[in-house]
């Protein structure tokens, strides 16, 4: 197991979600109809859920680190 690989994936995921949110926000100047509001609400929900995924992923990385530390101990 390697938590650094997991962290890299989590960081890439986080960057993608931020980019998506940013691009949708930029589009707000072009889209002023109700469909944009619906889209924006959906993106906000994706961002909220993504935050949960990132937090849980970080906890998983910490758990892997702890397991590796325990596994490397000599008795």
PDB file of N, CA and C in Angstrom:
ATOM      1  N   UNK A   1       0.839  -1.193   0.000  1.00  0.00           N
ATOM      2  CA  UNK A   1       0.000   0.000   0.000  1.00  0.00           C
ATOM      3  C   UNK A   1       0.873   1.242   0.000  1.00  0.00           C
ATOM      4  N   UNK A   2       0.387   2.260  -0.649  1.00  0.00           N
ATOM      5  CA  UNK A   2       1.160   3.485  -0.705  1.00  0.00           C
ATOM      6  C   UNK A   2       0.207   4.674  -0.635  1.00  0.00           C
ATOM      7  N   UNK A   3       0.269   5.393   0.478  1.00  0.00           N
ATOM      8  CA  UNK A   3      -0.646   6.521   0.650  1.00  0.00           C
ATOM      9  C   UNK A   3      -0.301   7.689  -0.270  1.00  0.00           C
ATOM     10  N   UNK A   4       0.930   7.761  -0.736  1.00  0.00           N
ATOM     11  CA  UNK A   4       1.287   8.883  -1.617  1.00  0.00           C
ATOM     12  C   UNK A   4       0.546   8.789  -2.953  1.00  0.00           C
ATOM     13  N   UNK A   5       0.333   7.583  -3.449  1.00  0.00           N
ATOM     14  CA  UNK A   5      -0.465   7.407  -4.670  1.00  0.00           C
ATOM     15  C   UNK A   5      -1.909   7.840  -4.441  1.00  0.00           C
ATOM     16  N   UNK A   6      -2.441   7.456  -3.287  1.00  0.00           N
ATOM     17  CA  UNK A   6      -3.806   7.854  -2.943  1.00  0.00           C
ATOM     18  C   UNK A   6      -3.908   9.376  -2.854  1.00  0.00           C
ATOM     19  N   UNK A   7      -2.923   9.989  -2.214  1.00  0.00           N
ATOM     20  CA  UNK A   7      -2.939  11.450  -2.061  1.00  0.00           C
ATOM     21  C   UNK A   7      -2.874  12.147  -3.426  1.00  0.00           C
ATOM     22  N   UNK A   8      -2.073  11.608  -4.311  1.00  0.00           N
ATOM     23  CA  UNK A   8      -1.978  12.179  -5.658  1.00  0.00           C
ATOM     24  C   UNK A   8      -3.333  12.117  -6.358  1.00  0.00           C
ATOM     25  N   UNK A   9      -3.994  10.981  -6.257  1.00  0.00           N
ATOM     26  CA  UNK A   9      -5.318  10.837  -6.868  1.00  0.00           C
ATOM     27  C   UNK A   9      -6.326  11.798  -6.242  1.00  0.00           C
ATOM     28  N   UNK A  10      -6.273  11.941  -4.931  1.00  0.00           N
ATOM     29  CA  UNK A  10      -7.179  12.854  -4.237  1.00  0.00           C
ATOM     30  C   UNK A  10      -6.931  14.291  -4.685  1.00  0.00           C
ATOM     31  N   UNK A  11      -5.673  14.662  -4.814  1.00  0.00           N
ATOM     32  CA  UNK A  11      -5.339  16.022  -5.249  1.00  0.00           C
ATOM     33  C   UNK A  11      -5.811  16.277  -6.681  1.00  0.00           C
ATOM     34  N   UNK A  12      -5.655  15.297  -7.544  1.00  0.00           N
ATOM     35  CA  UNK A  12      -6.129  15.436  -8.929  1.00  0.00           C
ATOM     36  C   UNK A  12      -7.652  15.577  -8.968  1.00  0.00           C
ATOM     37  N   UNK A  13      -8.316  14.785  -8.162  1.00  0.00           N
ATOM     38  CA  UNK A  13      -9.770  14.860  -8.067  1.00  0.00           C
ATOM     39  C   UNK A  13     -10.193  16.247  -7.582  1.00  0.00           C
ATOM     40  N   UNK A  14      -9.519  16.737  -6.548  1.00  0.00           N
ATOM     41  CA  UNK A  14      -9.835  18.055  -6.000  1.00  0.00           C
ATOM     42  C   UNK A  14      -9.623  19.156  -7.046  1.00  0.00           C
ATOM     43  N   UNK A  15      -8.523  19.073  -7.782  1.00  0.00           N
ATOM     44  CA  UNK A  15      -8.257  20.060  -8.838  1.00  0.00           C
ATOM     45  C   UNK A  15      -9.352  20.040  -9.904  1.00  0.00           C
ATOM     46  N   UNK A  16      -9.790  18.855 -10.275  1.00  0.00           N
ATOM     47  CA  UNK A  16     -10.831  18.729 -11.300  1.00  0.00           C
ATOM     48  C   UNK A  16     -12.146  19.352 -10.844  1.00  0.00           C
ATOM     49  N   UNK A  17     -12.504  19.106  -9.601  1.00  0.00           N
ATOM     50  CA  UNK A  17     -13.749  19.670  -9.072  1.00  0.00           C
ATOM     51  C   UNK A  17     -13.655  21.190  -9.001  1.00  0.00           C
ATOM     52  N   UNK A  18     -12.502  21.698  -8.559  1.00  0.00           N
ATOM     53  CA  UNK A  18     -12.319  23.153  -8.494  1.00  0.00           C
ATOM     54  C   UNK A  18     -12.392  23.776  -9.886  1.00  0.00           C
ATOM     55  N   UNK A  19     -11.794  23.110 -10.866  1.00  0.00           N
ATOM     56  CA  UNK A  19     -11.823  23.629 -12.234  1.00  0.00           C
ATOM     57  C   UNK A  19     -13.252  23.647 -12.766  1.00  0.00           C
ATOM     58  N   UNK A  20     -13.980  22.588 -12.513  1.00  0.00           N
ATOM     59  CA  UNK A  20     -15.372  22.527 -12.950  1.00  0.00           C
ATOM     60  C   UNK A  20     -16.171  23.675 -12.338  1.00  0.00           C
ATOM     61  N   UNK A  21     -16.030  23.874 -11.042  1.00  0.00           N
ATOM     62  CA  UNK A  21     -16.743  24.961 -10.365  1.00  0.00           C
ATOM     63  C   UNK A  21     -16.349  26.318 -10.933  1.00  0.00           C
ATOM     64  N   UNK A  22     -15.074  26.494 -11.166  1.00  0.00           N
ATOM     65  CA  UNK A  22     -14.573  27.764 -11.693  1.00  0.00           C
ATOM     66  C   UNK A  22     -15.128  28.045 -13.087  1.00  0.00           C
ATOM     67  N   UNK A  23     -15.111  27.037 -13.933  1.00  0.00           N
ATOM     68  CA  UNK A  23     -15.597  27.220 -15.304  1.00  0.00           C
ATOM     69  C   UNK A  23     -17.098  27.506 -15.332  1.00  0.00           C
ATOM     70  N   UNK A  24     -17.844  26.854 -14.465  1.00  0.00           N
ATOM     71  CA  UNK A  24     -19.285  27.113 -14.400  1.00  0.00           C
ATOM     72  C   UNK A  24     -19.535  28.531 -13.892  1.00  0.00           C
ATOM     73  N   UNK A  25     -18.740  28.961 -12.927  1.00  0.00           N
ATOM     74  CA  UNK A  25     -18.881  30.333 -12.421  1.00  0.00           C
ATOM     75  C   UNK A  25     -18.583  31.356 -13.511  1.00  0.00           C
ATOM     76  N   UNK A  26     -17.573  31.081 -14.329  1.00  0.00           N
ATOM     77  CA  UNK A  26     -17.250  31.989 -15.439  1.00  0.00           C
ATOM     78  C   UNK A  26     -18.419  32.098 -16.414  1.00  0.00           C
ATOM     79  N   UNK A  27     -19.115  31.011 -16.586  1.00  0.00           N
ATOM     80  CA  UNK A  27     -20.234  30.993 -17.531  1.00  0.00           C
ATOM     81  C   UNK A  27     -21.424  31.811 -17.041  1.00  0.00           C
ATOM     82  N   UNK A  28     -21.413  32.186 -15.782  1.00  0.00           N
ATOM     83  CA  UNK A  28     -22.558  32.926 -15.242  1.00  0.00           C
ATOM     84  C   UNK A  28     -22.776  34.251 -15.960  1.00  0.00           C
ATOM     85  N   UNK A  29     -21.711  34.820 -16.506  1.00  0.00           N
ATOM     86  CA  UNK A  29     -21.870  36.088 -17.228  1.00  0.00           C
ATOM     87  C   UNK A  29     -22.567  35.896 -18.579  1.00  0.00           C
ATOM     88  N   UNK A  30     -22.531  34.684 -19.080  1.00  0.00           N
ATOM     89  CA  UNK A  30     -23.149  34.382 -20.375  1.00  0.00           C
ATOM     90  C   UNK A  30     -24.569  33.836 -20.176  1.00  0.00           C
ATOM     91  N   UNK A  31     -24.689  32.936 -19.198  1.00  0.00           N
ATOM     92  CA  UNK A  31     -25.970  32.274 -18.972  1.00  0.00           C
ATOM     93  C   UNK A  31     -26.723  32.997 -17.861  1.00  0.00           C
ATOM     94  N   UNK A  32     -27.865  33.505 -18.173  1.00  0.00           N
ATOM     95  CA  UNK A  32     -28.649  34.211 -17.157  1.00  0.00           C
ATOM     96  C   UNK A  32     -30.047  33.620 -17.007  1.00  0.00           C
ATOM     97  N   UNK A  33     -30.260  32.448 -17.533  1.00  0.00           N
ATOM     98  CA  UNK A  33     -31.589  31.847 -17.457  1.00  0.00           C
ATOM     99  C   UNK A  33     -31.709  30.881 -16.277  1.00  0.00           C
ATOM    100  N   UNK A  34     -32.878  30.303 -16.139  1.00  0.00           N
ATOM    101  CA  UNK A  34     -33.134  29.391 -15.020  1.00  0.00           C
ATOM    102  C   UNK A  34     -32.342  28.093 -15.148  1.00  0.00           C
ATOM    103  N   UNK A  35     -32.010  27.703 -16.357  1.00  0.00           N
ATOM    104  CA  UNK A  35     -31.216  26.479 -16.543  1.00  0.00           C
ATOM    105  C   UNK A  35     -29.833  26.634 -15.918  1.00  0.00           C
ATOM    106  N   UNK A  36     -29.274  27.838 -16.001  1.00  0.00           N
ATOM    107  CA  UNK A  36     -27.973  28.075 -15.355  1.00  0.00           C
ATOM    108  C   UNK A  36     -28.110  27.913 -13.847  1.00  0.00           C
ATOM    109  N   UNK A  37     -29.186  28.421 -13.293  1.00  0.00           N
ATOM    110  CA  UNK A  37     -29.407  28.283 -11.849  1.00  0.00           C
ATOM    111  C   UNK A  37     -29.477  26.815 -11.455  1.00  0.00           C
ATOM    112  N   UNK A  38     -30.164  26.028 -12.255  1.00  0.00           N
ATOM    113  CA  UNK A  38     -30.248  24.585 -11.992  1.00  0.00           C
ATOM    114  C   UNK A  38     -28.866  23.940 -12.077  1.00  0.00           C
ATOM    115  N   UNK A  39     -28.124  24.298 -13.112  1.00  0.00           N
ATOM    116  CA  UNK A  39     -26.777  23.757 -13.288  1.00  0.00           C
ATOM    117  C   UNK A  39     -25.883  24.154 -12.120  1.00  0.00           C
ATOM    118  N   UNK A  40     -25.949  25.415 -11.728  1.00  0.00           N
ATOM    119  CA  UNK A  40     -25.116  25.904 -10.633  1.00  0.00           C
ATOM    120  C   UNK A  40     -25.454  25.182  -9.331  1.00  0.00           C
ATOM    121  N   UNK A  41     -26.728  24.956  -9.075  1.00  0.00           N
ATOM    122  CA  UNK A  41     -27.142  24.222  -7.876  1.00  0.00           C
ATOM    123  C   UNK A  41     -26.592  22.796  -7.904  1.00  0.00           C
ATOM    124  N   UNK A  42     -26.613  22.177  -9.066  1.00  0.00           N
ATOM    125  CA  UNK A  42     -26.061  20.821  -9.197  1.00  0.00           C
ATOM    126  C   UNK A  42     -24.559  20.809  -8.951  1.00  0.00           C
ATOM    127  N   UNK A  43     -23.867  21.808  -9.465  1.00  0.00           N
ATOM    128  CA  UNK A  43     -22.419  21.898  -9.267  1.00  0.00           C
ATOM    129  C   UNK A  43     -22.096  22.117  -7.793  1.00  0.00           C
ATOM    130  N   UNK A  44     -22.902  22.922  -7.115  1.00  0.00           N
ATOM    131  CA  UNK A  44     -22.692  23.124  -5.682  1.00  0.00           C
ATOM    132  C   UNK A  44     -22.848  21.810  -4.922  1.00  0.00           C
ATOM    133  N   UNK A  45     -23.821  21.011  -5.311  1.00  0.00           N
ATOM    134  CA  UNK A  45     -24.028  19.712  -4.670  1.00  0.00           C
ATOM    135  C   UNK A  45     -22.845  18.786  -4.948  1.00  0.00           C
ATOM    136  N   UNK A  46     -22.356  18.792  -6.174  1.00  0.00           N
ATOM    137  CA  UNK A  46     -21.177  17.986  -6.511  1.00  0.00           C
ATOM    138  C   UNK A  46     -19.985  18.428  -5.675  1.00  0.00           C
ATOM    139  N   UNK A  47     -19.805  19.727  -5.525  1.00  0.00           N
ATOM    140  CA  UNK A  47     -18.685  20.244  -4.732  1.00  0.00           C
ATOM    141  C   UNK A  47     -18.805  19.813  -3.274  1.00  0.00           C
ATOM    142  N   UNK A  48     -20.021  19.851  -2.732  1.00  0.00           N
ATOM    143  CA  UNK A  48     -20.225  19.448  -1.335  1.00  0.00           C
ATOM    144  C   UNK A  48     -19.898  17.965  -1.141  1.00  0.00           C
ATOM    145  N   UNK A  49     -20.407  17.154  -2.031  1.00  0.00           N
ATOM    146  CA  UNK A  49     -20.149  15.716  -1.944  1.00  0.00           C
ATOM    147  C   UNK A  49     -18.664  15.432  -2.176  1.00  0.00           C
ATOM    148  N   UNK A  50     -18.058  16.156  -3.088  1.00  0.00           N
ATOM    149  CA  UNK A  50     -16.630  15.977  -3.370  1.00  0.00           C
ATOM    150  C   UNK A  50     -15.782  16.295  -2.150  1.00  0.00           C
ATOM    151  N   UNK A  51     -16.176  17.333  -1.412  1.00  0.00           N
ATOM    152  CA  UNK A  51     -15.463  17.664  -0.179  1.00  0.00           C
ATOM    153  C   UNK A  51     -15.472  16.473   0.780  1.00  0.00           C
ATOM    154  N   UNK A  52     -16.637  15.824   0.885  1.00  0.00           N
ATOM    155  CA  UNK A  52     -16.740  14.636   1.735  1.00  0.00           C
ATOM    156  C   UNK A  52     -15.801  13.538   1.249  1.00  0.00           C
ATOM    157  N   UNK A  53     -15.757  13.335  -0.057  1.00  0.00           N
ATOM    158  CA  UNK A  53     -14.874  12.313  -0.636  1.00  0.00           C
ATOM    159  C   UNK A  53     -13.418  12.629  -0.312  1.00  0.00           C
ATOM    160  N   UNK A  54     -13.036  13.895  -0.431  1.00  0.00           N
ATOM    161  CA  UNK A  54     -11.653  14.304  -0.171  1.00  0.00           C
ATOM    162  C   UNK A  54     -11.298  14.096   1.296  1.00  0.00           C
ATOM    163  N   UNK A  55     -12.199  14.478   2.200  1.00  0.00           N
ATOM    164  CA  UNK A  55     -11.943  14.303   3.636  1.00  0.00           C
ATOM    165  C   UNK A  55     -11.806  12.820   3.969  1.00  0.00           C
ATOM    166  N   UNK A  56     -12.700  12.014   3.447  1.00  0.00           N
ATOM    167  CA  UNK A  56     -12.640  10.570   3.703  1.00  0.00           C
ATOM    168  C   UNK A  56     -11.381   9.972   3.084  1.00  0.00           C
ATOM    169  N   UNK A  57     -11.003  10.440   1.907  1.00  0.00           N
ATOM    170  CA  UNK A  57      -9.768   9.970   1.274  1.00  0.00           C
ATOM    171  C   UNK A  57      -8.544  10.292   2.108  1.00  0.00           C
ATOM    172  N   UNK A  58      -8.513  11.500   2.669  1.00  0.00           N
ATOM    173  CA  UNK A  58      -7.387  11.883   3.532  1.00  0.00           C
ATOM    174  C   UNK A  58      -7.331  11.008   4.779  1.00  0.00           C
ATOM    175  N   UNK A  59      -8.487  10.705   5.339  1.00  0.00           N
ATOM    176  CA  UNK A  59      -8.525   9.792   6.498  1.00  0.00           C
ATOM    177  C   UNK A  59      -7.987   8.421   6.103  1.00  0.00           C
ATOM    178  N   UNK A  60      -8.363   7.977   4.914  1.00  0.00           N
ATOM    179  CA  UNK A  60      -7.863   6.693   4.422  1.00  0.00           C
ATOM    180  C   UNK A  60      -6.349   6.703   4.280  1.00  0.00           C
ATOM    181  N   UNK A  61      -5.798   7.804   3.782  1.00  0.00           N
ATOM    182  CA  UNK A  61      -4.339   7.932   3.650  1.00  0.00           C
ATOM    183  C   UNK A  61      -3.663   7.858   5.013  1.00  0.00           C
ATOM    184  N   UNK A  62      -4.238   8.547   5.983  1.00  0.00           N
ATOM    185  CA  UNK A  62      -3.672   8.518   7.336  1.00  0.00           C
ATOM    186  C   UNK A  62      -3.719   7.103   7.908  1.00  0.00           C
ATOM    187  N   UNK A  63      -4.803   6.394   7.632  1.00  0.00           N
ATOM    188  CA  UNK A  63      -4.917   5.012   8.108  1.00  0.00           C
ATOM    189  C   UNK A  63      -3.865   4.120   7.463  1.00  0.00           C
ATOM    190  N   UNK A  64      -3.649   4.299   6.171  1.00  0.00           N
ATOM    191  CA  UNK A  64      -2.618   3.521   5.472  1.00  0.00           C
ATOM    192  C   UNK A  64      -1.248   3.822   6.072  1.00  0.00           C
ATOM    193  N   UNK A  65      -0.972   5.102   6.333  1.00  0.00           N
ATOM    194  CA  UNK A  65       0.305   5.479   6.949  1.00  0.00           C
ATOM    195  C   UNK A  65       0.478   4.809   8.310  1.00  0.00           C
ATOM    196  N   UNK A  66      -0.592   4.803   9.103  1.00  0.00           N
ATOM    197  CA  UNK A  66      -0.522   4.169  10.420  1.00  0.00           C
ATOM    198  C   UNK A  66      -0.300   2.666  10.296  1.00  0.00           C
ATOM    199  N   UNK A  67      -0.987   2.040   9.351  1.00  0.00           N
ATOM    200  CA  UNK A  67      -0.805   0.601   9.149  1.00  0.00           C
ATOM    201  C   UNK A  67       0.618   0.283   8.700  1.00  0.00           C
ATOM    202  N   UNK A  68       1.160   1.102   7.811  1.00  0.00           N
ATOM    203  CA  UNK A  68       2.539   0.881   7.361  1.00  0.00           C
ATOM    204  C   UNK A  68       3.522   1.049   8.517  1.00  0.00           C
ATOM    205  N   UNK A  69       3.254   2.012   9.379  1.00  0.00           N
ATOM    206  CA  UNK A  69       4.121   2.224  10.541  1.00  0.00           C
ATOM    207  C   UNK A  69       4.071   1.014  11.470  1.00  0.00           C
ATOM    208  N   UNK A  70       2.871   0.529  11.729  1.00  0.00           N
ATOM    209  CA  UNK A  70       2.717  -0.643  12.600  1.00  0.00           C
ATOM    210  C   UNK A  70       3.374  -1.862  11.962  1.00  0.00           C
ATOM    211  N   UNK A  71       3.181  -2.037  10.660  1.00  0.00           N
ATOM    212  CA  UNK A  71       3.746  -3.194   9.959  1.00  0.00           C
ATOM    213  C   UNK A  71       5.268  -3.177   9.958  1.00  0.00           C
ATOM    214  N   UNK A  72       5.850  -1.994  10.024  1.00  0.00           N
ATOM    215  CA  UNK A  72       7.312  -1.911   9.973  1.00  0.00           C
ATOM    216  C   UNK A  72       7.970  -2.040  11.345  1.00  0.00           C
ATOM    217  N   UNK A  73       7.171  -2.058  12.398  1.00  0.00           N
ATOM    218  CA  UNK A  73       7.739  -2.170  13.744  1.00  0.00           C
ATOM    219  C   UNK A  73       8.326  -3.559  13.952  1.00  0.00           C
ATOM    220  N   UNK A  74       9.419  -3.588  14.664  1.00  0.00           N
ATOM    221  CA  UNK A  74      10.080  -4.857  14.983  1.00  0.00           C
ATOM    222  C   UNK A  74       9.742  -5.240  16.423  1.00  0.00           C
ATOM    223  N   UNK A  75       9.410  -6.496  16.602  1.00  0.00           N
ATOM    224  CA  UNK A  75       9.089  -6.990  17.948  1.00  0.00           C
ATOM    225  C   UNK A  75      10.124  -7.965  18.410  1.00  0.00           C
TER     226      UNK A  75
END
